[in-house]
Protein backbone atom coordinates (compact mmCIF):
# COMPACT_ATOMS: atom_id res chain seq x y z
CA MET A 1 37.28 -147.55 -75.01
CA VAL A 2 34.39 -145.29 -73.89
CA VAL A 3 35.06 -141.67 -73.26
CA ASP A 4 32.16 -139.63 -71.85
CA ASP A 5 31.81 -137.53 -69.25
CA GLU A 6 28.82 -138.65 -67.80
CA ALA A 7 28.79 -141.62 -65.50
CA ALA A 8 26.00 -143.61 -66.20
CA ILE A 9 26.48 -143.47 -69.67
CA ARG A 10 29.79 -144.40 -69.58
CA GLN A 11 28.97 -147.13 -67.19
CA ALA A 12 25.63 -148.45 -69.22
CA TYR A 13 27.92 -148.36 -72.73
CA GLY A 14 30.72 -150.68 -70.87
CA ASP A 15 28.14 -153.24 -69.33
CA LEU A 16 26.69 -153.35 -72.89
CA LEU A 17 29.34 -154.17 -74.47
CA ARG A 18 31.40 -156.34 -72.12
CA LYS A 19 27.94 -158.46 -72.76
CA LYS A 20 28.85 -158.52 -76.00
CA GLY A 21 32.47 -159.89 -75.43
CA TYR A 22 34.38 -156.73 -75.73
CA GLU A 23 36.95 -155.46 -73.23
CA VAL A 24 36.00 -152.45 -72.28
CA GLU A 25 37.88 -149.47 -70.12
CA THR A 26 35.66 -146.11 -69.48
CA ILE A 27 37.21 -143.01 -69.13
CA GLU A 28 35.60 -139.65 -67.95
CA SER A 29 38.11 -137.29 -69.88
CA GLY A 30 39.74 -136.68 -73.14
CA GLU A 31 42.68 -135.50 -70.89
CA ARG A 32 42.42 -138.70 -69.19
CA ALA A 33 41.71 -140.97 -72.30
CA LEU A 34 44.82 -139.41 -74.06
CA GLU A 35 46.99 -140.13 -70.65
CA VAL A 36 45.84 -143.84 -71.00
CA ILE A 37 46.56 -144.05 -74.48
CA GLN A 38 50.09 -143.63 -74.33
CA GLU A 39 50.28 -146.42 -71.50
CA THR A 40 48.57 -148.75 -73.45
CA GLY A 41 46.97 -149.71 -76.81
CA TYR A 42 43.61 -149.55 -77.91
CA ASP A 43 41.46 -150.65 -81.25
CA LEU A 44 38.58 -148.52 -80.72
CA ILE A 45 37.30 -145.26 -79.09
CA LEU A 46 33.61 -144.38 -78.21
CA LEU A 47 34.28 -140.43 -78.06
CA ASP A 48 31.70 -137.94 -76.97
CA ILE A 49 31.86 -134.78 -78.65
CA ARG A 50 30.58 -132.51 -75.26
CA LEU A 51 33.36 -133.43 -72.53
CA LYS A 52 34.62 -131.72 -69.34
CA GLY A 53 37.75 -129.94 -70.07
CA ILE A 54 38.60 -130.82 -73.40
CA SER A 55 36.28 -131.21 -76.35
CA GLY A 56 35.56 -134.56 -78.20
CA ILE A 57 36.93 -133.14 -81.58
CA GLU A 58 40.34 -131.38 -79.59
CA THR A 59 40.72 -135.10 -77.90
CA LEU A 60 40.40 -136.52 -81.23
CA GLN A 61 42.77 -134.13 -83.14
CA ARG A 62 45.48 -134.61 -80.07
CA LEU A 63 45.10 -138.21 -80.35
CA ARG A 64 46.05 -138.43 -84.64
CA LYS A 65 49.32 -136.62 -83.47
CA MET A 66 50.14 -139.95 -80.81
CA LYS A 67 48.60 -142.88 -83.24
CA ASN A 68 46.68 -142.74 -86.00
CA ASP A 69 45.83 -146.49 -86.08
CA ILE A 70 43.00 -146.37 -83.39
CA LYS A 71 39.76 -146.54 -85.15
CA VAL A 72 37.29 -143.85 -83.63
CA ILE A 73 33.57 -143.50 -83.46
CA ILE A 74 31.95 -140.47 -82.33
CA MET A 75 29.06 -140.28 -80.32
CA SER A 76 27.19 -137.29 -78.90
CA GLY A 77 23.24 -136.00 -78.15
CA TYR A 78 24.12 -133.21 -80.23
CA ILE A 79 26.05 -133.81 -83.40
CA SER A 80 26.32 -130.61 -85.77
CA LYS A 81 26.95 -130.81 -89.48
CA SER A 82 30.49 -129.16 -88.56
CA TYR A 83 30.65 -131.41 -85.67
CA VAL A 84 30.34 -134.66 -88.49
CA GLU A 85 32.61 -133.11 -91.38
CA GLU A 86 35.33 -132.33 -88.54
CA SER A 87 35.24 -135.98 -87.12
CA PHE A 88 35.55 -137.36 -90.67
CA ARG A 89 38.43 -135.16 -91.58
CA LEU A 90 40.41 -136.20 -88.36
CA GLY A 91 39.73 -139.61 -89.23
CA ALA A 92 36.62 -140.63 -87.27
CA VAL A 93 35.27 -143.58 -88.87
CA ASN A 94 31.64 -142.85 -87.65
CA CYS A 95 29.50 -140.41 -86.20
CA LEU A 96 26.61 -141.89 -83.78
CA HIS A 97 23.62 -139.86 -82.32
CA LYS A 98 22.86 -140.62 -78.61
CA PRO A 99 20.57 -142.53 -77.89
CA PHE A 100 21.23 -145.72 -79.80
CA SER A 101 20.64 -149.03 -79.60
CA ILE A 102 23.34 -151.32 -78.48
CA GLU A 103 22.63 -153.13 -82.27
CA THR A 104 23.67 -150.45 -83.83
CA LEU A 105 26.72 -149.70 -81.61
CA ALA A 106 27.94 -153.33 -81.97
CA GLN A 107 27.38 -153.00 -85.71
CA ASN A 108 29.45 -150.24 -86.12
CA ILE A 109 32.14 -151.48 -83.73
CA HIS A 110 32.26 -154.65 -86.04
CA LYS A 111 32.13 -152.77 -88.92
CA ALA A 112 35.48 -150.39 -87.81
CA LEU A 113 37.39 -153.37 -86.53
CA CYS A 114 36.88 -155.48 -89.65
């Protein structure tokens, strides 16, 4: 699952990951992501920090109360030390600074799922 409030980013990452052979759903908000996760199982979420509505950090906090087994990679154009520390405290497997290459993303996804 790719969660980002920018449609172009959702589309680009979704398309690139599909070309790599992943099944991908793109979601525009943390609230919607949490609704969908309750209905369907996911192995990994790419989660933007800055979202409209609840933040990526708050989404991750709520996710951990629901399902602790989903891997989460935080992504953002702005990642501060406090965001990184909080993300890892909540169990994120990595934090990626946008923009990043599809190779970097694919490597991080592979590492998280293996």
